[in-house]
Amino acid sequence: MNLKNQRVVIIGGSSGIGLATAKEAILQGARVVIAGRSLEKLESAKAALDSELLEIQQLDNKNEDSIKAFFTMLDILIICLRLVPHTCLVQ
């Protein structure tokens, strides 16, 4: 897959696999948006990657309007998150 000039959105991109994925996408020339709850973690990730191709977005997953507005901007979506054991995902 050629990522050059693609807009890649990674939810959970401030650490771990998400951050590593963001780094690789940037190396391939993608414009990357990492999103997560913690602005502090997002800012730390931005400093670590130090790229003009990176944008950070705080995402409130409990606010429906915030989620709708966020998803209007993407070409590619990668979600890296940890599921909590014994959590019902669908009710």
Protein backbone atom coordinates (compact mmCIF):
# COMPACT_ATOMS: atom_id res chain seq x y z
CA MET A 1 0.00 0.00 0.00
CA ASN A 2 1.38 3.39 -0.98
CA LEU A 3 0.78 5.90 1.82
CA LYS A 4 2.45 8.91 0.21
CA ASN A 5 0.15 11.95 0.48
CA GLN A 6 -2.62 9.89 2.12
CA ARG A 7 -4.29 11.18 5.27
CA VAL A 8 -4.04 8.48 7.93
CA VAL A 9 -5.97 8.71 11.20
CA ILE A 10 -4.83 6.58 14.11
CA ILE A 11 -7.03 6.47 17.19
CA GLY A 12 -4.93 5.40 20.14
CA GLY A 13 -1.83 6.72 18.41
CA SER A 14 -0.08 8.35 21.35
CA SER A 15 1.74 5.19 22.49
CA GLY A 16 2.54 1.56 21.73
CA ILE A 17 1.50 0.03 18.42
CA GLY A 18 -0.45 3.16 17.44
CA LEU A 19 2.61 5.39 17.88
CA ALA A 20 4.82 2.94 15.98
CA THR A 21 2.26 2.84 13.17
CA ALA A 22 2.18 6.64 13.05
CA LYS A 23 5.98 6.73 12.80
CA GLU A 24 6.03 4.25 9.92
CA ALA A 25 3.23 6.02 8.06
CA ILE A 26 5.11 9.32 8.34
CA LEU A 27 8.28 7.65 7.04
CA GLN A 28 6.22 6.54 4.02
CA GLY A 29 5.05 10.11 3.39
CA ALA A 30 1.55 10.01 4.86
CA ARG A 31 -0.08 12.95 6.59
CA VAL A 32 -0.94 11.45 9.99
CA VAL A 33 -3.48 12.42 12.60
CA ILE A 34 -3.19 10.71 15.96
CA ALA A 35 -6.15 10.97 18.29
CA GLY A 36 -6.72 10.04 21.89
CA ARG A 37 -8.20 11.18 25.17
CA SER A 38 -5.07 12.55 26.85
CA LEU A 39 -3.81 15.81 25.40
CA GLU A 40 -0.62 15.42 27.46
CA LYS A 41 0.14 12.03 25.85
CA LEU A 42 -0.69 13.39 22.39
CA GLU A 43 1.67 16.34 22.86
CA SER A 44 4.41 13.98 24.08
CA ALA A 45 3.94 11.77 21.02
CA LYS A 46 4.08 14.82 18.74
CA ALA A 47 7.35 15.90 20.33
CA ALA A 48 8.77 12.38 19.98
CA LEU A 49 7.88 12.08 16.29
CA ASP A 50 8.82 15.70 15.49
CA SER A 51 7.26 15.82 12.02
CA GLU A 52 5.37 18.45 10.04
CA LEU A 53 3.31 15.56 8.67
CA LEU A 54 1.81 14.89 12.13
CA GLU A 55 -1.31 16.44 13.62
CA ILE A 56 -2.80 15.62 17.01
CA GLN A 57 -6.50 15.69 17.90
CA GLN A 58 -8.07 15.15 21.28
CA LEU A 59 -11.14 12.96 20.79
CA ASP A 60 -13.98 12.76 23.30
CA ASN A 61 -15.45 9.33 22.68
CA LYS A 62 -18.40 10.16 24.94
CA ASN A 63 -19.58 13.10 22.81
CA GLU A 64 -21.49 12.08 19.68
CA ASP A 65 -21.03 15.46 17.95
CA SER A 66 -17.28 15.34 18.60
CA ILE A 67 -17.07 11.87 17.08
CA LYS A 68 -19.12 12.81 13.98
CA ALA A 69 -17.01 15.92 13.35
CA PHE A 70 -13.79 13.97 13.80
CA PHE A 71 -14.60 11.26 11.26
CA THR A 72 -15.37 13.64 8.37
CA MET A 73 -11.64 14.20 7.71
CA LEU A 74 -10.17 10.78 7.00
CA ASP A 75 -8.97 8.64 4.12
CA ILE A 76 -7.62 5.75 6.22
CA LEU A 77 -8.62 4.77 9.77
CA ILE A 78 -6.47 2.66 12.11
CA ILE A 79 -7.76 2.01 15.63
CA CYS A 80 -5.33 0.71 18.24
CA LEU A 81 -7.00 0.19 21.59
CA ARG A 82 -7.04 -2.16 24.47
CA LEU A 83 -10.32 -3.84 25.27
CA VAL A 84 -11.16 -4.20 28.93
CA PRO A 85 -11.88 -7.83 29.86
CA HIS A 86 -15.51 -8.62 30.67
CA THR A 87 -16.81 -5.52 28.90
CA CYS A 88 -20.00 -5.76 26.93
CA LEU A 89 -19.40 -4.07 23.57
CA VAL A 90 -22.99 -4.40 22.36
CA GLN A 91 -26.13 -4.22 24.42
